[in-house]
Amino acid sequence: MLKAEARKLYRAKRKALSPAERSKQDDLMLIQFQSFELPFIHYLLSYWPIEENNEPNTHLFTDYIEFRNPALKVLYPKSDFTSNTMQAIEVTMDAAFEINEHNIHEPATGIVMDAGVIDMVFVPLLACDREGYRVGYGKGFYDKYLGQCRKDCIKAGFSYFDPIDKISDRHKFDIPLDLCITPQNVYVF
């Protein structure tokens, strides 16, 4: 399947889910995530789910890792849409977030952290394939950023749907996930 086809199909499939269905699927994904044995995570790059895109509730998964690792440092992305790049900003419990022109919640302030310290990244996606390659929103922010992370940094995605067979128009700079958590399974690539 081509990325553009998958993007259109999975946007529509997510839009068709009611808030109650999404809430149930989020809870099931959390159960799957809790069943997976993760190494100790010091630095987590999460993201704020975009409500109108019906994204999975990453706050649940972030809170779970924080519960397991009280000393966890949580980072959130701040994007530069002129260069299609992003930075990871360390936030505190009382951090203020601003909504940018693309309706993305970003930290208003915080310390920019080097990509090399990050142990795990929650990567947004619309779909992924059985080899861990994902379809995002098409700007390449995460693939560029993941290229700066350590090789052992865990790249995890959350999806309401099982992986598709194959994304046929991958690019050489695309970076696959290590995990994709769905309501029924944890896929390890």
C-alpha atoms as a PDB file:
ATOM      1  CA  MET A   1       0.000   0.000   0.000  1.00  0.00           C
ATOM      2  CA  LEU A   2       1.241   3.481  -0.820  1.00  0.00           C
ATOM      3  CA  LYS A   3       1.672   5.982   2.031  1.00  0.00           C
ATOM      4  CA  ALA A   4      -0.913   8.358   0.564  1.00  0.00           C
ATOM      5  CA  GLU A   5      -3.491   5.535   0.358  1.00  0.00           C
ATOM      6  CA  ALA A   6      -2.763   4.418   3.922  1.00  0.00           C
ATOM      7  CA  ARG A   7      -2.877   8.003   5.180  1.00  0.00           C
ATOM      8  CA  LYS A   8      -6.331   8.556   3.659  1.00  0.00           C
ATOM      9  CA  LEU A   9      -7.724   5.161   4.715  1.00  0.00           C
ATOM     10  CA  TYR A  10      -6.485   5.251   8.314  1.00  0.00           C
ATOM     11  CA  ARG A  11      -7.491   8.875   8.891  1.00  0.00           C
ATOM     12  CA  ALA A  12     -11.034   7.837   7.880  1.00  0.00           C
ATOM     13  CA  LYS A  13     -10.929   4.690  10.036  1.00  0.00           C
ATOM     14  CA  ARG A  14      -9.834   6.715  13.091  1.00  0.00           C
ATOM     15  CA  LYS A  15     -12.471   9.388  12.420  1.00  0.00           C
ATOM     16  CA  ALA A  16     -15.135   6.660  12.402  1.00  0.00           C
ATOM     17  CA  LEU A  17     -14.332   5.670  15.999  1.00  0.00           C
ATOM     18  CA  SER A  18     -16.613   7.177  18.614  1.00  0.00           C
ATOM     19  CA  PRO A  19     -15.105   8.735  21.767  1.00  0.00           C
ATOM     20  CA  ALA A  20     -16.330   5.728  23.768  1.00  0.00           C
ATOM     21  CA  GLU A  21     -14.714   3.277  21.309  1.00  0.00           C
ATOM     22  CA  ARG A  22     -11.438   5.212  21.404  1.00  0.00           C
ATOM     23  CA  SER A  23     -11.462   5.277  25.202  1.00  0.00           C
ATOM     24  CA  LYS A  24     -11.962   1.509  25.337  1.00  0.00           C
ATOM     25  CA  GLN A  25      -9.236   0.933  22.729  1.00  0.00           C
ATOM     26  CA  ASP A  26      -6.860   3.237  24.669  1.00  0.00           C
ATOM     27  CA  ASP A  27      -7.453   1.178  27.826  1.00  0.00           C
ATOM     28  CA  LEU A  28      -6.800  -2.050  25.930  1.00  0.00           C
ATOM     29  CA  MET A  29      -3.573  -0.589  24.486  1.00  0.00           C
ATOM     30  CA  LEU A  30      -2.476   0.379  28.003  1.00  0.00           C
ATOM     31  CA  ILE A  31      -3.011  -3.213  29.148  1.00  0.00           C
ATOM     32  CA  GLN A  32      -0.926  -4.463  26.203  1.00  0.00           C
ATOM     33  CA  PHE A  33       1.773  -1.878  26.946  1.00  0.00           C
ATOM     34  CA  GLN A  34       1.866  -2.880  30.628  1.00  0.00           C
ATOM     35  CA  SER A  35       2.326  -6.531  29.649  1.00  0.00           C
ATOM     36  CA  PHE A  36       5.488  -5.743  27.686  1.00  0.00           C
ATOM     37  CA  GLU A  37       8.759  -5.881  29.633  1.00  0.00           C
ATOM     38  CA  LEU A  38      10.494  -2.544  29.108  1.00  0.00           C
ATOM     39  CA  PRO A  39      14.004  -1.706  30.254  1.00  0.00           C
ATOM     40  CA  PHE A  40      14.426   1.153  32.711  1.00  0.00           C
ATOM     41  CA  ILE A  41      13.636   4.400  30.906  1.00  0.00           C
ATOM     42  CA  HIS A  42      15.382   7.594  32.055  1.00  0.00           C
ATOM     43  CA  TYR A  43      14.296   9.910  29.215  1.00  0.00           C
ATOM     44  CA  LEU A  44      11.020   9.570  27.327  1.00  0.00           C
ATOM     45  CA  LEU A  45      10.026  11.710  24.356  1.00  0.00           C
ATOM     46  CA  SER A  46       6.219  11.626  24.320  1.00  0.00           C
ATOM     47  CA  TYR A  47       3.736  13.794  22.435  1.00  0.00           C
ATOM     48  CA  TRP A  48       0.379  15.384  23.147  1.00  0.00           C
ATOM     49  CA  PRO A  49      -2.356  13.623  21.140  1.00  0.00           C
ATOM     50  CA  ILE A  50      -4.242  15.805  18.676  1.00  0.00           C
ATOM     51  CA  GLU A  51      -7.901  15.367  19.592  1.00  0.00           C
ATOM     52  CA  GLU A  52      -9.399  16.181  16.190  1.00  0.00           C
ATOM     53  CA  ASN A  53      -7.120  13.551  14.613  1.00  0.00           C
ATOM     54  CA  ASN A  54      -8.498  10.940  17.050  1.00  0.00           C
ATOM     55  CA  GLU A  55      -4.980   9.997  18.092  1.00  0.00           C
ATOM     56  CA  PRO A  56      -4.452   7.415  20.832  1.00  0.00           C
ATOM     57  CA  ASN A  57      -4.264   8.886  24.329  1.00  0.00           C
ATOM     58  CA  THR A  58      -0.506   8.970  24.868  1.00  0.00           C
ATOM     59  CA  HIS A  59      -1.037  10.595  28.285  1.00  0.00           C
ATOM     60  CA  LEU A  60      -2.047   7.145  29.607  1.00  0.00           C
ATOM     61  CA  PHE A  61       1.161   5.543  28.363  1.00  0.00           C
ATOM     62  CA  THR A  62       3.360   8.403  29.570  1.00  0.00           C
ATOM     63  CA  ASP A  63       1.743   8.271  33.016  1.00  0.00           C
ATOM     64  CA  TYR A  64       2.346   4.528  33.193  1.00  0.00           C
ATOM     65  CA  ILE A  65       6.073   4.904  32.485  1.00  0.00           C
ATOM     66  CA  GLU A  66       6.259   7.772  34.998  1.00  0.00           C
ATOM     67  CA  PHE A  67       4.614   5.535  37.607  1.00  0.00           C
ATOM     68  CA  ARG A  68       7.184   2.780  36.951  1.00  0.00           C
ATOM     69  CA  ASN A  69      10.108   5.238  36.892  1.00  0.00           C
ATOM     70  CA  PRO A  70       9.590   8.088  39.380  1.00  0.00           C
ATOM     71  CA  ALA A  71      12.860   9.741  38.278  1.00  0.00           C
ATOM     72  CA  LEU A  72      11.756   9.737  34.620  1.00  0.00           C
ATOM     73  CA  LYS A  73      12.456  12.874  32.595  1.00  0.00           C
ATOM     74  CA  VAL A  74       9.600  13.511  30.174  1.00  0.00           C
ATOM     75  CA  LEU A  75      10.244  15.431  26.975  1.00  0.00           C
ATOM     76  CA  TYR A  76       7.818  16.820  24.401  1.00  0.00           C
ATOM     77  CA  PRO A  77       8.555  17.939  20.846  1.00  0.00           C
ATOM     78  CA  LYS A  78       8.665  21.538  19.691  1.00  0.00           C
ATOM     79  CA  SER A  79       8.466  21.857  15.917  1.00  0.00           C
ATOM     80  CA  ASP A  80       9.952  24.284  13.429  1.00  0.00           C
ATOM     81  CA  PHE A  81       7.706  24.184  10.365  1.00  0.00           C
ATOM     82  CA  THR A  82      10.084  26.235   8.212  1.00  0.00           C
ATOM     83  CA  SER A  83      12.770  23.529   8.402  1.00  0.00           C
ATOM     84  CA  ASN A  84      10.503  20.551   9.266  1.00  0.00           C
ATOM     85  CA  THR A  85      12.662  19.807  12.288  1.00  0.00           C
ATOM     86  CA  MET A  86      11.929  19.429  15.964  1.00  0.00           C
ATOM     87  CA  GLN A  87      13.598  19.582  19.340  1.00  0.00           C
ATOM     88  CA  ALA A  88      12.884  17.611  22.506  1.00  0.00           C
ATOM     89  CA  ILE A  89      12.007  19.856  25.442  1.00  0.00           C
ATOM     90  CA  GLU A  90      12.176  18.575  29.026  1.00  0.00           C
ATOM     91  CA  VAL A  91       9.045  19.504  30.940  1.00  0.00           C
ATOM     92  CA  THR A  92       8.040  19.465  34.592  1.00  0.00           C
ATOM     93  CA  MET A  93       4.682  18.489  36.131  1.00  0.00           C
ATOM     94  CA  ASP A  94       3.492  22.109  36.041  1.00  0.00           C
ATOM     95  CA  ALA A  95       4.801  22.909  32.559  1.00  0.00           C
ATOM     96  CA  ALA A  96       2.702  25.201  30.388  1.00  0.00           C
ATOM     97  CA  PHE A  97       1.859  24.122  26.868  1.00  0.00           C
ATOM     98  CA  GLU A  98       0.928  26.313  23.918  1.00  0.00           C
ATOM     99  CA  ILE A  99      -1.068  25.259  20.878  1.00  0.00           C
ATOM    100  CA  ASN A 100       0.759  26.086  17.643  1.00  0.00           C
ATOM    101  CA  GLU A 101      -0.830  27.006  14.315  1.00  0.00           C
ATOM    102  CA  HIS A 102      -1.181  23.285  13.452  1.00  0.00           C
ATOM    103  CA  ASN A 103      -3.107  22.624  16.675  1.00  0.00           C
ATOM    104  CA  ILE A 104      -0.189  20.783  18.263  1.00  0.00           C
ATOM    105  CA  HIS A 105       0.411  21.223  21.997  1.00  0.00           C
ATOM    106  CA  GLU A 106       4.056  22.189  22.554  1.00  0.00           C
ATOM    107  CA  PRO A 107       5.962  23.167  25.697  1.00  0.00           C
ATOM    108  CA  ALA A 108       5.975  26.945  26.232  1.00  0.00           C
ATOM    109  CA  THR A 109       9.338  26.727  28.005  1.00  0.00           C
ATOM    110  CA  GLY A 110      11.808  24.075  29.056  1.00  0.00           C
ATOM    111  CA  ILE A 111      15.280  22.718  28.541  1.00  0.00           C
ATOM    112  CA  VAL A 112      16.244  21.465  25.084  1.00  0.00           C
ATOM    113  CA  MET A 113      17.677  17.970  25.467  1.00  0.00           C
ATOM    114  CA  ASP A 114      20.089  16.239  23.138  1.00  0.00           C
ATOM    115  CA  ALA A 115      18.564  13.379  21.132  1.00  0.00           C
ATOM    116  CA  GLY A 116      21.388  11.139  22.325  1.00  0.00           C
ATOM    117  CA  VAL A 117      20.032  10.939  25.891  1.00  0.00           C
ATOM    118  CA  ILE A 118      16.581   9.659  24.940  1.00  0.00           C
ATOM    119  CA  ASP A 119      15.787   6.040  25.832  1.00  0.00           C
ATOM    120  CA  MET A 120      12.313   5.841  24.297  1.00  0.00           C
ATOM    121  CA  VAL A 121      10.270   7.839  21.786  1.00  0.00           C
ATOM    122  CA  PHE A 122       6.519   7.628  21.311  1.00  0.00           C
ATOM    123  CA  VAL A 123       6.155   8.114  17.562  1.00  0.00           C
ATOM    124  CA  PRO A 124       2.847   9.330  16.092  1.00  0.00           C
ATOM    125  CA  LEU A 125       1.461   7.310  13.214  1.00  0.00           C
ATOM    126  CA  LEU A 126      -1.599   6.685  11.133  1.00  0.00           C
ATOM    127  CA  ALA A 127      -0.560   3.139  10.205  1.00  0.00           C
ATOM    128  CA  CYS A 128       2.479   0.887  10.188  1.00  0.00           C
ATOM    129  CA  ASP A 129       3.453  -2.217   8.294  1.00  0.00           C
ATOM    130  CA  ARG A 130       4.620  -5.631   9.467  1.00  0.00           C
ATOM    131  CA  GLU A 131       8.267  -4.514   9.376  1.00  0.00           C
ATOM    132  CA  GLY A 132       7.679  -1.472  11.586  1.00  0.00           C
ATOM    133  CA  TYR A 133       7.707   1.186   8.890  1.00  0.00           C
ATOM    134  CA  ARG A 134       5.054   3.777   9.569  1.00  0.00           C
ATOM    135  CA  VAL A 135       2.861   6.264   7.815  1.00  0.00           C
ATOM    136  CA  GLY A 136       2.883   9.580   9.630  1.00  0.00           C
ATOM    137  CA  TYR A 137       1.461  12.916   8.624  1.00  0.00           C
ATOM    138  CA  GLY A 138       3.937  13.374   5.787  1.00  0.00           C
ATOM    139  CA  LYS A 139       6.404  16.067   6.900  1.00  0.00           C
ATOM    140  CA  GLY A 140       9.265  13.809   8.049  1.00  0.00           C
ATOM    141  CA  PHE A 141       9.770  15.455  11.461  1.00  0.00           C
ATOM    142  CA  TYR A 142      10.110  12.197  13.362  1.00  0.00           C
ATOM    143  CA  ASP A 143      12.263  10.355  10.833  1.00  0.00           C
ATOM    144  CA  LYS A 144      14.723  13.270  10.849  1.00  0.00           C
ATOM    145  CA  TYR A 145      14.733  13.373  14.633  1.00  0.00           C
ATOM    146  CA  LEU A 146      14.992   9.602  15.120  1.00  0.00           C
ATOM    147  CA  GLY A 147      18.074   9.639  12.918  1.00  0.00           C
ATOM    148  CA  GLN A 148      19.788  11.645  15.691  1.00  0.00           C
ATOM    149  CA  CYS A 149      18.813   9.216  18.477  1.00  0.00           C
ATOM    150  CA  ARG A 150      20.945   6.347  19.746  1.00  0.00           C
ATOM    151  CA  LYS A 151      20.571   3.010  17.955  1.00  0.00           C
ATOM    152  CA  ASP A 152      19.207   1.431  21.161  1.00  0.00           C
ATOM    153  CA  CYS A 153      16.526   4.110  21.622  1.00  0.00           C
ATOM    154  CA  ILE A 154      13.160   2.328  21.640  1.00  0.00           C
ATOM    155  CA  LYS A 155      10.774   3.689  19.019  1.00  0.00           C
ATOM    156  CA  ALA A 156       7.177   2.862  19.948  1.00  0.00           C
ATOM    157  CA  GLY A 157       3.948   3.604  18.134  1.00  0.00           C
ATOM    158  CA  PHE A 158       0.340   3.192  19.221  1.00  0.00           C
ATOM    159  CA  SER A 159      -2.376   2.226  16.771  1.00  0.00           C
ATOM    160  CA  TYR A 160      -6.029   1.302  17.018  1.00  0.00           C
ATOM    161  CA  PHE A 161      -5.454  -1.030  14.056  1.00  0.00           C
ATOM    162  CA  ASP A 162      -3.184  -3.957  13.226  1.00  0.00           C
ATOM    163  CA  PRO A 163      -0.244  -3.393  10.854  1.00  0.00           C
ATOM    164  CA  ILE A 164      -0.781  -3.474   7.115  1.00  0.00           C
ATOM    165  CA  ASP A 165       1.255  -5.937   5.059  1.00  0.00           C
ATOM    166  CA  LYS A 166       3.733  -3.514   3.517  1.00  0.00           C
ATOM    167  CA  ILE A 167       4.238   0.157   2.800  1.00  0.00           C
ATOM    168  CA  SER A 168       5.483   0.019  -0.764  1.00  0.00           C
ATOM    169  CA  ASP A 169       6.893   3.535  -1.136  1.00  0.00           C
ATOM    170  CA  ARG A 170       9.347   3.650   1.744  1.00  0.00           C
ATOM    171  CA  HIS A 171      12.205   6.127   1.580  1.00  0.00           C
ATOM    172  CA  LYS A 172      15.817   5.453   2.511  1.00  0.00           C
ATOM    173  CA  PHE A 173      15.555   7.916   5.411  1.00  0.00           C
ATOM    174  CA  ASP A 174      12.451   6.228   6.917  1.00  0.00           C
ATOM    175  CA  ILE A 175      13.220   4.757  10.333  1.00  0.00           C
ATOM    176  CA  PRO A 176      11.142   1.774  11.477  1.00  0.00           C
ATOM    177  CA  LEU A 177       9.537   1.368  14.869  1.00  0.00           C
ATOM    178  CA  ASP A 178      10.750  -1.189  17.386  1.00  0.00           C
ATOM    179  CA  LEU A 179       7.254  -1.693  18.812  1.00  0.00           C
ATOM    180  CA  CYS A 180       3.677  -1.035  17.796  1.00  0.00           C
ATOM    181  CA  ILE A 181       1.081  -1.413  20.509  1.00  0.00           C
ATOM    182  CA  THR A 182      -2.492  -2.145  19.399  1.00  0.00           C
ATOM    183  CA  PRO A 183      -5.528  -3.016  21.517  1.00  0.00           C
ATOM    184  CA  GLN A 184      -4.929  -6.729  20.885  1.00  0.00           C
ATOM    185  CA  ASN A 185      -1.162  -7.103  20.554  1.00  0.00           C
ATOM    186  CA  VAL A 186       2.357  -5.772  20.958  1.00  0.00           C
ATOM    187  CA  TYR A 187       4.208  -6.079  17.654  1.00  0.00           C
ATOM    188  CA  VAL A 188       7.982  -6.264  17.988  1.00  0.00           C
ATOM    189  CA  PHE A 189       9.982  -5.482  14.849  1.00  0.00           C
END
